[in-house]
Amino acid sequence: MTQPLNRRALLGAGLLAGAGACTSSSSAPRPAAPPPSSAPPFKPGDWASVRAQFDLPQDRADFAAFVLARHPAAVREAVARHRGALDADPEYLPPGGDPDQAVRETAARYLGGAPEQIALTDSTTMGLALLYAGLRLRPGQDVLTTEHDFLATHESLRLLAERTGAEVRRVRLYDAPAHASADQIASRLRAAIGPRTRIVAVTWVHSSTGVRLPIKELARVVAEANKNRDEKDRALLCVDGVHGFGAMADGAGDLGCDFLASGTHKWLCGPRGTGIVWGRAWEAVAPVIPSFGQVSFDYFTMGDTQQPVTAAYHTPGGYKAFEHRWAAKEAFAFQEAIGKDRVQARIQELATRLKAGLSALPHVRLATPVSPELSAGLVCMSVDGFAGPREAVARLLDRHRIVASSTPYRESLLRFGTTIMNTPEQVDQAIKAMAALR
């Protein structure tokens, strides 16, 4: 009779090579049966079938689903399956070995790169905090970010400056977001990078305006600045990817950045409270929270503090909502089945349709570039005749059954997000509602 998996094995998520073959003792409760499917058969090539995988409201068109996305059926069922099994047997592990590694492997297929480059987190904010708290700075090195980044980046860097004394500078990449250009953005970043800049912190898609930065071009700018620099002086391009990840088809390697942090519970439609950090320069980062991976436990029990530098070592340890973390595998597989290129095309097709209709309305001023090259699925705007965007959000819902949101910035805007849960007909409905919004 095999012994039940112990606390170490659970916290390490079954990381021993033979952990997948371990089973609970015969006296342990049998895991609950998997729940029945709550959706019709999934046909990835059919957008109606894709939408049918979600529990969508029938009485309204939701253009704020990206904030905390609904789970598709495969993710809902995986969460329920793991939760039921953990309730039946707290030492349950899914079959097949290390479930965290299974998530990393599916994430790596989706992102590109290797599983060893991916740390698992709870959110974009956690990922950015782990990154900016851990990046090692030498005396005199500074940090460059932008005026457009979200609180998570600005606050993480402020705390970094308090701890280290490093200077944090901000650059404004564009003045009028609707008229931003890739050349302007790249040239302003180029001018702002200094000879001792170690961290370049940017956001892929700005939640304030919907501007999508040309990350590939910015990576080339950073590479130019790194010519003839020693490895420890090389500027590292770090990207908050949350509103591009799951909406755009680019892989992490395609972007050319050094680190990419994102939650998986927005455009990817993954389990709530899950996220990743992909990195190719983990040796530049000091771990912030102890990892409970098998390697960490091996070194702990051997009394050795020198551990190999991998993303797994930067994955925070402790008990997690394992049913959500392990179900992230199904979220990546769901998106892979549809196809990243098709997802991007659909999201941008709907966003372009929305922007075209809104551009014709005299009382609406788009802040988001019309060009798909500089935008993704977010469409931000100001509307005449309202004290603020929240009033417009309330009017859209009350009178037209359209769900929108407002941007959480000093200069707040009305915001729509076109996701794979929306249809062209809903976009037309939103345009008609905005035309009546006076």
Protein backbone atom coordinates (compact mmCIF):
# COMPACT_ATOMS: atom_id res chain seq x y z
CA MET A 1 0.00 0.00 0.00
CA THR A 2 1.42 3.42 -0.91
CA GLN A 3 1.48 6.17 1.66
CA PRO A 4 -0.80 9.21 1.28
CA LEU A 5 0.80 12.33 -0.12
CA ASN A 6 1.95 14.57 2.71
CA ARG A 7 1.93 18.32 3.23
CA ARG A 8 5.28 18.69 1.51
CA ALA A 9 4.02 16.88 -1.56
CA LEU A 10 0.85 18.95 -1.71
CA LEU A 11 2.64 22.27 -1.30
CA GLY A 12 5.18 21.19 -3.88
CA ALA A 13 2.26 20.05 -6.03
CA GLY A 14 3.59 16.53 -6.48
CA LEU A 15 6.98 17.57 -7.81
CA LEU A 16 8.85 14.33 -7.25
CA ALA A 17 9.34 12.47 -10.47
CA GLY A 18 7.19 9.64 -9.21
CA ALA A 19 4.57 11.80 -7.55
CA GLY A 20 2.11 11.19 -10.36
CA ALA A 21 2.15 7.50 -9.54
CA CYS A 22 1.38 8.08 -5.86
CA THR A 23 -2.17 7.57 -4.68
CA SER A 24 -3.96 8.24 -1.44
CA SER A 25 -4.40 5.35 0.95
CA SER A 26 -7.35 3.07 0.43
CA SER A 27 -9.01 4.55 3.52
CA ALA A 28 -9.04 8.04 2.00
CA PRO A 29 -12.29 9.32 0.50
CA ARG A 30 -12.70 8.77 -3.21
CA PRO A 31 -12.56 12.05 -5.19
CA ALA A 32 -15.89 13.34 -6.39
CA ALA A 33 -17.01 12.46 -9.90
CA PRO A 34 -16.37 15.18 -12.48
CA PRO A 35 -19.33 17.50 -13.05
CA PRO A 36 -21.39 17.09 -16.21
CA SER A 37 -20.68 19.51 -19.03
CA SER A 38 -22.69 22.70 -18.79
CA ALA A 39 -22.28 23.72 -22.44
CA PRO A 40 -22.93 22.27 -25.89
CA PRO A 41 -20.04 20.60 -27.72
CA PHE A 42 -17.18 22.99 -28.41
CA LYS A 43 -16.50 23.81 -32.07
CA PRO A 44 -13.44 26.12 -31.99
CA GLY A 45 -13.96 27.32 -35.57
CA ASP A 46 -17.51 28.56 -34.87
CA TRP A 47 -17.81 31.85 -32.96
CA ALA A 48 -21.36 31.00 -31.89
CA SER A 49 -20.01 27.80 -30.35
CA VAL A 50 -17.22 29.75 -28.65
CA ARG A 51 -19.77 32.10 -27.10
CA ALA A 52 -21.91 29.13 -26.04
CA GLN A 53 -19.07 27.97 -23.79
CA PHE A 54 -19.73 30.95 -21.49
CA ASP A 55 -22.68 31.65 -19.20
CA LEU A 56 -23.63 34.95 -20.81
CA PRO A 57 -26.45 37.29 -19.79
CA GLN A 58 -29.33 37.30 -22.23
CA ASP A 59 -30.69 40.69 -21.22
CA ARG A 60 -27.61 42.84 -21.95
CA ALA A 61 -24.50 43.18 -24.09
CA ASP A 62 -21.40 43.08 -21.90
CA PHE A 63 -18.40 45.12 -23.03
CA ALA A 64 -16.70 45.00 -19.62
CA ALA A 65 -16.17 41.24 -19.51
CA PHE A 66 -12.38 41.70 -19.78
CA VAL A 67 -12.20 43.19 -16.27
CA LEU A 68 -12.76 39.82 -14.57
CA ALA A 69 -13.67 37.43 -17.33
CA ARG A 70 -16.23 34.67 -17.20
CA HIS A 71 -14.86 31.14 -17.34
CA PRO A 72 -15.58 29.02 -20.41
CA ALA A 73 -17.13 25.61 -19.73
CA ALA A 74 -13.82 23.71 -19.80
CA VAL A 75 -12.39 25.98 -17.10
CA ARG A 76 -15.55 25.91 -14.98
CA GLU A 77 -15.58 22.12 -15.12
CA ALA A 78 -11.88 21.84 -14.27
CA VAL A 79 -12.30 24.13 -11.26
CA ALA A 80 -15.28 22.09 -10.06
CA ARG A 81 -13.45 18.81 -10.63
CA HIS A 82 -10.38 19.85 -8.64
CA ARG A 83 -12.47 21.47 -5.91
CA GLY A 84 -14.62 18.38 -5.47
CA ALA A 85 -11.56 16.13 -5.36
CA LEU A 86 -9.83 18.36 -2.78
CA ASP A 87 -12.97 18.42 -0.64
CA ALA A 88 -13.12 14.63 -0.77
CA ASP A 89 -9.39 14.16 -0.15
CA PRO A 90 -7.27 17.16 0.98
CA GLU A 91 -4.14 15.34 -0.23
CA TYR A 92 -5.52 14.92 -3.74
CA LEU A 93 -3.28 15.57 -6.70
CA PRO A 94 -4.40 15.36 -10.33
CA PRO A 95 -3.07 12.36 -12.22
CA GLY A 96 -0.04 12.78 -14.40
CA GLY A 97 2.55 14.25 -12.07
CA ASP A 98 3.23 17.85 -11.07
CA PRO A 99 0.10 19.92 -11.86
CA ASP A 100 2.01 23.23 -11.62
CA GLN A 101 4.40 21.95 -14.26
CA ALA A 102 1.44 20.98 -16.43
CA VAL A 103 0.22 24.60 -16.25
CA ARG A 104 3.69 25.88 -17.11
CA GLU A 105 3.91 23.54 -20.09
CA THR A 106 0.58 24.65 -21.56
CA ALA A 107 1.46 28.29 -20.86
CA ALA A 108 4.81 27.82 -22.62
CA ARG A 109 3.10 26.36 -25.68
CA TYR A 110 0.81 29.37 -25.78
CA LEU A 111 3.47 31.99 -24.99
CA GLY A 112 6.50 30.44 -26.60
CA GLY A 113 9.68 29.70 -24.72
CA ALA A 114 10.22 27.02 -22.11
CA PRO A 115 8.23 26.06 -18.99
CA GLU A 116 11.31 26.89 -16.90
CA GLN A 117 10.88 30.54 -17.90
CA ILE A 118 7.38 30.86 -16.38
CA ALA A 119 6.56 31.69 -12.76
CA LEU A 120 2.99 31.18 -11.57
CA THR A 121 1.35 34.04 -9.67
CA ASP A 122 -2.09 35.21 -8.52
CA SER A 123 -2.37 38.34 -10.68
CA THR A 124 -0.56 40.91 -12.79
CA THR A 125 -0.05 43.02 -9.68
CA MET A 126 1.63 40.17 -7.83
CA GLY A 127 3.82 39.42 -10.82
CA LEU A 128 4.95 43.03 -11.18
CA ALA A 129 5.58 43.30 -7.43
CA LEU A 130 7.70 40.13 -7.42
CA LEU A 131 9.64 41.42 -10.40
CA TYR A 132 10.27 44.98 -9.26
CA ALA A 133 10.94 44.02 -5.65
CA GLY A 134 13.48 41.44 -6.78
CA LEU A 135 15.38 43.05 -9.65
CA ARG A 136 18.90 43.72 -8.46
CA LEU A 137 20.14 47.28 -8.92
CA ARG A 138 23.76 48.40 -8.69
CA PRO A 139 24.69 51.80 -7.21
CA GLY A 140 23.84 54.60 -9.59
CA GLN A 141 21.48 52.59 -11.78
CA ASP A 142 18.07 54.12 -12.44
CA VAL A 143 14.59 53.02 -13.48
CA LEU A 144 12.57 54.36 -16.40
CA THR A 145 8.81 54.01 -16.69
CA THR A 146 6.06 56.01 -18.38
CA GLU A 147 3.34 58.46 -17.43
CA HIS A 148 0.78 56.01 -18.82
CA ASP A 149 1.33 53.00 -16.57
CA PHE A 150 -1.16 51.70 -14.04
CA LEU A 151 -0.96 51.92 -10.25
CA ALA A 152 0.61 48.44 -9.96
CA THR A 153 3.72 49.54 -11.86
CA HIS A 154 4.00 53.02 -10.42
CA GLU A 155 3.51 51.87 -6.83
CA SER A 156 5.86 48.88 -7.18
CA LEU A 157 8.56 51.19 -8.52
CA ARG A 158 7.91 53.78 -5.81
CA LEU A 159 8.45 51.10 -3.18
CA LEU A 160 11.58 49.96 -5.02
CA ALA A 161 12.92 53.51 -4.87
CA GLU A 162 12.18 53.72 -1.14
CA ARG A 163 14.11 50.52 -0.47
CA THR A 164 17.08 51.16 -2.74
CA GLY A 165 17.31 54.91 -3.23
CA ALA A 166 17.25 54.39 -7.00
CA GLU A 167 15.87 57.21 -9.11
CA VAL A 168 12.61 56.41 -10.93
CA ARG A 169 11.95 58.57 -13.98
CA ARG A 170 8.82 58.80 -16.14
CA VAL A 171 8.54 59.59 -19.82
CA ARG A 172 5.43 60.66 -21.70
CA LEU A 173 5.32 58.56 -24.87
CA TYR A 174 2.51 60.50 -26.56
CA ASP A 175 0.42 63.61 -25.91
CA ALA A 176 -2.77 62.90 -27.86
CA PRO A 177 -3.40 59.16 -27.64
CA ALA A 178 -5.74 59.00 -30.64
CA HIS A 179 -2.92 60.39 -32.80
CA ALA A 180 -0.01 58.47 -31.27
CA SER A 181 2.46 56.92 -33.69
CA ALA A 182 4.98 54.13 -33.37
CA ASP A 183 7.80 56.46 -34.42
CA GLN A 184 6.86 59.04 -31.80
CA ILE A 185 6.62 56.44 -29.05
CA ALA A 186 9.94 54.83 -29.97
CA SER A 187 11.79 58.14 -30.30
CA ARG A 188 10.59 59.40 -26.93
CA LEU A 189 11.65 56.19 -25.22
CA ARG A 190 15.03 56.30 -26.97
CA ALA A 191 15.64 59.84 -25.72
CA ALA A 192 14.65 58.92 -22.17
CA ILE A 193 16.91 55.87 -21.67
CA GLY A 194 20.03 56.91 -19.81
CA PRO A 195 23.49 55.32 -19.67
CA ARG A 196 22.71 53.79 -16.26
CA THR A 197 19.10 52.80 -16.89
CA ARG A 198 18.65 49.22 -15.66
CA ILE A 199 14.85 48.80 -15.78
CA VAL A 200 12.54 49.97 -18.57
CA ALA A 201 8.99 49.37 -17.31
CA VAL A 202 6.16 49.72 -19.83
CA THR A 203 2.61 48.47 -20.40
CA TRP A 204 1.62 46.65 -23.59
CA VAL A 205 -1.93 48.07 -23.84
CA HIS A 206 -2.79 51.15 -21.80
CA SER A 207 -6.00 50.68 -19.85
CA SER A 208 -6.28 54.48 -19.66
CA THR A 209 -6.52 55.12 -23.40
CA GLY A 210 -6.46 51.80 -25.27
CA VAL A 211 -3.11 52.64 -26.92
CA ARG A 212 -1.14 49.48 -27.72
CA LEU A 213 2.59 50.10 -27.54
CA PRO A 214 4.76 48.75 -30.38
CA ILE A 215 6.70 46.52 -27.99
CA LYS A 216 8.81 44.95 -30.75
CA GLU A 217 10.08 48.39 -31.78
CA LEU A 218 10.67 49.39 -28.17
CA ALA A 219 12.65 46.19 -27.70
CA ARG A 220 14.87 47.26 -30.59
CA VAL A 221 15.33 50.66 -28.95
CA VAL A 222 16.41 48.99 -25.70
CA ALA A 223 18.72 46.65 -27.62
CA GLU A 224 20.41 49.68 -29.22
CA ALA A 225 20.93 51.21 -25.79
CA ASN A 226 22.48 47.95 -24.56
CA LYS A 227 25.25 47.88 -27.17
CA ASN A 228 28.66 47.66 -25.48
CA ARG A 229 27.09 47.40 -21.99
CA ASP A 230 28.18 44.75 -19.50
CA GLU A 231 25.54 42.12 -18.67
CA LYS A 232 24.87 43.59 -15.21
CA ASP A 233 24.38 47.05 -16.72
CA ARG A 234 22.05 45.92 -19.50
CA ALA A 235 18.66 47.67 -19.55
CA LEU A 236 15.89 45.13 -18.99
CA LEU A 237 12.58 45.65 -20.81
CA CYS A 238 9.76 44.67 -18.44
CA VAL A 239 6.18 44.60 -19.72
CA ASP A 240 2.84 44.69 -17.95
CA GLY A 241 1.04 42.59 -20.54
CA VAL A 242 -2.40 42.22 -19.04
CA HIS A 243 -4.53 43.87 -21.76
CA GLY A 244 -2.53 42.34 -24.60
CA PHE A 245 -2.14 38.85 -23.17
CA GLY A 246 -4.99 36.73 -24.54
CA ALA A 247 -6.05 39.47 -26.97
CA MET A 248 -2.95 39.65 -29.18
CA ALA A 249 -1.25 36.72 -30.88
CA ASP A 250 2.35 37.76 -30.15
CA GLY A 251 4.36 35.36 -28.05
CA ALA A 252 6.77 36.58 -25.39
CA GLY A 253 9.75 35.74 -27.57
CA ASP A 254 8.18 37.59 -30.50
CA LEU A 255 7.91 40.77 -28.45
CA GLY A 256 11.61 40.83 -27.59
CA CYS A 257 11.10 41.84 -23.97
CA ASP A 258 13.00 40.44 -20.98
CA PHE A 259 9.97 39.96 -18.72
CA LEU A 260 6.22 39.82 -19.32
CA ALA A 261 3.77 39.82 -16.39
CA SER A 262 0.06 39.19 -16.78
CA GLY A 263 -2.99 37.87 -15.07
CA THR A 264 -4.75 35.08 -16.91
CA HIS A 265 -8.22 36.02 -15.71
CA LYS A 266 -8.89 38.82 -18.19
CA TRP A 267 -8.64 38.41 -21.97
CA LEU A 268 -7.44 34.81 -21.68
CA CYS A 269 -10.66 33.95 -19.75
CA GLY A 270 -8.65 31.92 -17.24
CA PRO A 271 -9.45 31.11 -13.61
CA ARG A 272 -9.83 34.07 -11.30
CA GLY A 273 -6.78 34.71 -9.17
CA THR A 274 -4.19 33.27 -11.56
CA GLY A 275 -1.32 34.83 -13.48
CA ILE A 276 2.15 34.31 -14.91
CA VAL A 277 5.50 36.02 -15.24
CA TRP A 278 7.56 34.96 -18.25
CA GLY A 279 11.22 35.88 -18.12
CA ARG A 280 14.49 35.21 -19.86
CA ALA A 281 16.76 36.95 -17.32
CA TRP A 282 15.75 35.43 -13.98
CA GLU A 283 19.36 35.53 -12.80
CA ALA A 284 18.90 39.31 -12.45
CA VAL A 285 16.04 38.87 -9.98
CA ALA A 286 16.27 37.96 -6.31
CA PRO A 287 13.40 35.79 -5.03
CA VAL A 288 10.97 37.69 -2.82
CA ILE A 289 8.67 34.96 -1.45
CA PRO A 290 9.92 31.43 -0.67
CA SER A 291 8.95 28.84 -3.23
CA PHE A 292 7.48 25.48 -2.20
CA GLY A 293 8.61 23.68 -5.33
CA GLN A 294 10.34 20.34 -5.06
CA VAL A 295 13.78 21.83 -5.75
CA SER A 296 13.29 24.30 -2.89
CA PHE A 297 12.32 21.51 -0.51
CA ASP A 298 15.26 19.39 -1.59
CA TYR A 299 17.69 22.19 -0.88
CA PHE A 300 15.91 23.04 2.38
CA THR A 301 16.15 19.51 3.72
CA MET A 302 19.80 19.25 2.63
CA GLY A 303 20.60 22.54 4.35
CA ASP A 304 21.89 24.12 1.15
CA THR A 305 20.80 27.68 0.33
CA GLN A 306 22.27 27.76 -3.19
CA GLN A 307 19.44 26.95 -5.57
CA PRO A 308 19.29 27.01 -9.36
CA VAL A 309 17.82 30.13 -10.94
CA THR A 310 14.54 29.17 -12.58
CA ALA A 311 11.12 30.76 -12.75
CA ALA A 312 9.77 27.99 -10.50
CA TYR A 313 12.01 29.28 -7.72
CA HIS A 314 10.25 32.67 -8.08
CA THR A 315 6.77 31.13 -7.87
CA PRO A 316 5.43 32.09 -4.42
CA GLY A 317 4.93 29.13 -2.11
CA GLY A 318 2.16 28.49 0.39
CA TYR A 319 -1.32 27.11 0.04
CA LYS A 320 -3.19 28.42 -2.97
CA ALA A 321 -6.62 28.08 -4.49
CA PHE A 322 -5.25 25.00 -6.21
CA GLU A 323 -8.51 24.25 -8.02
CA HIS A 324 -8.11 27.59 -9.84
CA ARG A 325 -4.38 27.38 -10.46
CA TRP A 326 -4.55 23.88 -11.92
CA ALA A 327 -7.55 24.79 -14.11
CA ALA A 328 -5.43 27.45 -15.87
CA LYS A 329 -4.23 24.61 -18.09
CA GLU A 330 -7.72 24.37 -19.61
CA ALA A 331 -7.79 28.13 -20.25
CA PHE A 332 -4.61 27.99 -22.31
CA ALA A 333 -5.88 24.92 -24.15
CA PHE A 334 -9.20 26.67 -24.88
CA GLN A 335 -7.43 29.62 -26.49
CA GLU A 336 -5.03 27.33 -28.37
CA ALA A 337 -7.97 25.40 -29.82
CA ILE A 338 -9.51 28.59 -31.21
CA GLY A 339 -6.13 29.85 -32.44
CA LYS A 340 -4.30 32.97 -31.23
CA ASP A 341 -4.36 34.57 -34.68
CA ARG A 342 -8.12 34.05 -34.97
CA VAL A 343 -8.71 35.45 -31.49
CA GLN A 344 -6.70 38.59 -32.27
CA ALA A 345 -8.44 39.05 -35.62
CA ARG A 346 -11.87 38.70 -34.03
CA ILE A 347 -11.16 41.11 -31.18
CA GLN A 348 -9.67 43.74 -33.49
CA GLU A 349 -12.40 43.29 -36.10
CA LEU A 350 -15.03 44.07 -33.46
CA ALA A 351 -13.00 46.97 -32.03
CA THR A 352 -12.48 48.47 -35.49
CA ARG A 353 -16.21 48.18 -36.22
CA LEU A 354 -16.97 49.91 -32.92
CA LYS A 355 -14.47 52.72 -33.51
CA ALA A 356 -15.78 53.31 -37.03
CA GLY A 357 -19.32 53.74 -35.74
CA LEU A 358 -18.34 55.92 -32.80
CA SER A 359 -16.14 58.16 -34.96
CA ALA A 360 -19.24 59.32 -36.83
CA LEU A 361 -20.95 60.58 -33.65
CA PRO A 362 -20.39 64.32 -33.04
CA HIS A 363 -20.62 64.06 -29.25
CA VAL A 364 -18.05 61.25 -28.94
CA ARG A 365 -14.27 61.79 -29.07
CA LEU A 366 -12.17 58.65 -29.33
CA ALA A 367 -8.99 58.48 -27.28
CA THR A 368 -7.95 55.12 -28.75
CA PRO A 369 -6.08 55.07 -32.07
CA VAL A 370 -8.21 53.90 -34.98
CA SER A 371 -5.32 51.87 -36.36
CA PRO A 372 -5.25 48.20 -35.26
CA GLU A 373 -1.44 48.51 -35.24
CA LEU A 374 -1.64 50.72 -32.15
CA SER A 375 -4.71 49.27 -30.42
CA ALA A 376 -6.17 45.98 -29.26
CA GLY A 377 -9.58 45.33 -27.75
CA LEU A 378 -9.98 48.41 -25.55
CA VAL A 379 -11.86 51.41 -26.95
CA CYS A 380 -11.79 54.55 -24.78
CA MET A 381 -13.59 57.84 -25.35
CA SER A 382 -15.02 60.99 -23.83
CA VAL A 383 -18.68 61.89 -24.26
CA ASP A 384 -20.17 65.39 -24.26
CA GLY A 385 -23.07 66.18 -21.96
CA PHE A 386 -22.10 64.13 -18.92
CA ALA A 387 -20.45 65.08 -15.65
CA GLY A 388 -18.19 62.06 -16.01
CA PRO A 389 -17.97 58.62 -17.59
CA ARG A 390 -19.65 56.88 -14.65
CA GLU A 391 -22.86 58.74 -15.42
CA ALA A 392 -22.64 57.55 -19.03
CA VAL A 393 -21.96 53.98 -17.86
CA ALA A 394 -25.08 54.05 -15.71
CA ARG A 395 -27.21 55.51 -18.53
CA LEU A 396 -26.02 52.88 -21.00
CA LEU A 397 -26.98 50.08 -18.65
CA ASP A 398 -30.29 51.51 -17.43
CA ARG A 399 -31.68 52.59 -20.80
CA HIS A 400 -29.91 50.42 -23.33
CA ARG A 401 -28.72 47.29 -21.47
CA ILE A 402 -25.13 47.94 -22.54
CA VAL A 403 -22.41 47.17 -19.99
CA ALA A 404 -19.40 49.50 -20.26
CA SER A 405 -16.81 50.71 -17.74
CA SER A 406 -14.84 53.81 -16.82
CA THR A 407 -11.07 54.04 -16.63
CA PRO A 408 -9.62 54.32 -13.08
CA TYR A 409 -7.35 57.31 -13.77
CA ARG A 410 -7.28 61.01 -12.94
CA GLU A 411 -8.58 61.73 -16.43
CA SER A 412 -11.29 59.09 -16.57
CA LEU A 413 -12.83 57.96 -19.86
CA LEU A 414 -15.72 55.78 -20.95
CA ARG A 415 -14.39 52.37 -21.99
CA PHE A 416 -15.57 49.37 -24.01
CA GLY A 417 -13.76 46.08 -24.45
CA THR A 418 -14.56 43.85 -27.44
CA THR A 419 -13.91 40.24 -26.43
CA ILE A 420 -14.54 36.84 -27.99
CA MET A 421 -17.82 36.88 -26.03
CA ASN A 422 -19.17 39.74 -28.16
CA THR A 423 -20.80 39.73 -31.60
CA PRO A 424 -20.94 42.22 -34.48
CA GLU A 425 -24.64 42.69 -33.72
CA GLN A 426 -23.81 43.70 -30.15
CA VAL A 427 -21.26 46.18 -31.45
CA ASP A 428 -23.94 47.75 -33.65
CA GLN A 429 -26.27 47.81 -30.65
CA ALA A 430 -23.61 49.67 -28.66
CA ILE A 431 -23.08 52.23 -31.43
CA LYS A 432 -26.84 52.84 -31.61
CA ALA A 433 -26.98 53.28 -27.82
CA MET A 434 -24.08 55.73 -27.91
CA ALA A 435 -25.84 57.73 -30.66
CA ALA A 436 -28.83 58.11 -28.34
CA LEU A 437 -26.61 58.99 -25.36
CA ARG A 438 -27.19 62.75 -25.13
